[in-house]
């Protein structure tokens, strides 16, 4: 665990409305939902996302699968994030933040 690290478990229910069109018959959690979860975790700390410096989505996440979201400060305005499921990297990136 990194100093100042924020952590939460993600689990998108199969009934989430975004899954209907992403992809019918074989739904995957859209990247925007993963980024929204990161933004909400930062918002709890009085920060808001003002930009995405970098985001790479490495593997799909299916509904109901649990994943761990970790966010930690890289600088005062850039926070790194990682989303992992078991031993698999789902996403990595850097979010630009400002005070809410």
Protein backbone atom coordinates (compact mmCIF):
# COMPACT_ATOMS: atom_id res chain seq x y z
CA UNK A 1 0.00 0.00 0.00
CA UNK A 2 1.37 3.38 -1.06
CA UNK A 3 1.28 6.43 1.26
CA UNK A 4 -2.00 8.27 0.77
CA UNK A 5 -3.47 5.38 -1.19
CA UNK A 6 -7.25 5.14 -1.52
CA UNK A 7 -8.76 1.72 -2.09
CA UNK A 8 -12.18 0.24 -2.77
CA UNK A 9 -13.74 -2.87 -4.26
CA UNK A 10 -15.65 -2.53 -7.53
CA UNK A 11 -18.48 -4.85 -8.49
CA UNK A 12 -20.91 -3.73 -11.20
CA UNK A 13 -24.28 -5.47 -10.97
CA UNK A 14 -25.51 -7.30 -14.06
CA UNK A 15 -28.59 -5.08 -14.01
CA UNK A 16 -26.64 -1.83 -14.49
CA UNK A 17 -28.28 0.11 -17.37
CA UNK A 18 -24.95 0.74 -19.15
CA UNK A 19 -24.50 -2.98 -19.74
CA UNK A 20 -27.52 -3.33 -22.04
CA UNK A 21 -25.66 -1.90 -25.01
CA UNK A 22 -22.11 -2.86 -24.05
CA UNK A 23 -22.28 -5.66 -25.51
CA UNK A 24 -25.61 -7.45 -25.92
CA UNK A 25 -25.30 -11.14 -25.11
CA UNK A 26 -21.80 -10.76 -23.63
CA UNK A 27 -21.74 -7.65 -21.46
CA UNK A 28 -18.52 -5.98 -20.37
CA UNK A 29 -18.15 -3.15 -17.89
CA UNK A 30 -17.57 0.04 -19.91
CA UNK A 31 -14.37 1.96 -19.23
CA UNK A 32 -16.40 5.04 -18.36
CA UNK A 33 -17.87 3.21 -15.34
CA UNK A 34 -14.37 2.36 -14.13
CA UNK A 35 -13.29 5.98 -14.50
CA UNK A 36 -16.46 7.14 -12.76
CA UNK A 37 -15.66 4.90 -9.79
CA UNK A 38 -12.20 6.49 -9.55
CA UNK A 39 -13.72 9.98 -9.75
CA UNK A 40 -16.21 9.15 -6.99
CA UNK A 41 -13.46 7.83 -4.71
CA UNK A 42 -11.48 11.03 -5.23
CA UNK A 43 -14.60 13.12 -4.65
CA UNK A 44 -14.90 11.58 -1.18
CA UNK A 45 -11.50 13.17 -0.48
CA UNK A 46 -12.59 16.63 -1.65
CA UNK A 47 -10.99 16.25 -5.09
CA UNK A 48 -12.52 16.33 -8.55
CA UNK A 49 -11.16 14.92 -11.78
CA UNK A 50 -10.43 17.70 -14.27
CA UNK A 51 -8.65 15.58 -16.86
CA UNK A 52 -7.30 12.20 -17.82
CA UNK A 53 -3.56 12.33 -18.30
CA UNK A 54 -3.41 8.71 -19.38
CA UNK A 55 -5.68 5.66 -19.24
CA UNK A 56 -4.98 2.19 -20.54
CA UNK A 57 -7.52 -0.62 -20.36
CA UNK A 58 -5.70 -3.93 -20.43
CA UNK A 59 -8.34 -6.58 -19.84
CA UNK A 60 -12.14 -6.73 -19.74
CA UNK A 61 -14.15 -6.74 -16.54
CA UNK A 62 -17.44 -8.61 -16.59
CA UNK A 63 -20.51 -7.75 -14.55
CA UNK A 64 -20.50 -9.15 -11.00
CA UNK A 65 -16.72 -9.70 -11.07
CA UNK A 66 -14.94 -8.07 -8.16
CA UNK A 67 -11.97 -5.80 -8.86
CA UNK A 68 -9.83 -3.61 -6.62
CA UNK A 69 -9.49 0.09 -7.43
CA UNK A 70 -6.43 1.80 -5.97
CA UNK A 71 -5.59 5.50 -6.36
CA UNK A 72 -2.54 7.27 -4.96
CA UNK A 73 -0.94 10.70 -5.37
CA UNK A 74 1.89 11.02 -7.85
CA UNK A 75 2.00 14.82 -7.51
CA UNK A 76 -0.41 17.31 -5.95
CA UNK A 77 -2.43 17.42 -9.19
CA UNK A 78 -1.81 13.95 -10.67
CA UNK A 79 -3.12 10.78 -9.08
CA UNK A 80 -2.26 7.35 -10.41
CA UNK A 81 -4.89 4.61 -10.53
CA UNK A 82 -4.83 0.85 -10.92
CA UNK A 83 -7.72 -1.56 -11.25
CA UNK A 84 -6.91 -5.23 -10.73
CA UNK A 85 -8.85 -8.47 -10.53
CA UNK A 86 -7.02 -11.29 -8.76
CA UNK A 87 -3.63 -11.32 -10.49
CA UNK A 88 -4.88 -9.60 -13.66
CA UNK A 89 -4.38 -5.92 -14.47
CA UNK A 90 -7.63 -4.40 -15.75
CA UNK A 91 -6.64 -0.73 -16.09
CA UNK A 92 -3.84 1.74 -15.32
CA UNK A 93 -3.61 5.48 -15.66
CA UNK A 94 -3.17 8.97 -14.27
CA UNK A 95 -5.97 11.40 -13.45
CA UNK A 96 -5.53 15.17 -13.16
CA UNK A 97 -7.32 16.51 -10.08
CA UNK A 98 -8.20 19.80 -8.40
CA UNK A 99 -9.92 20.77 -5.17
CA UNK A 100 -13.69 20.21 -5.35
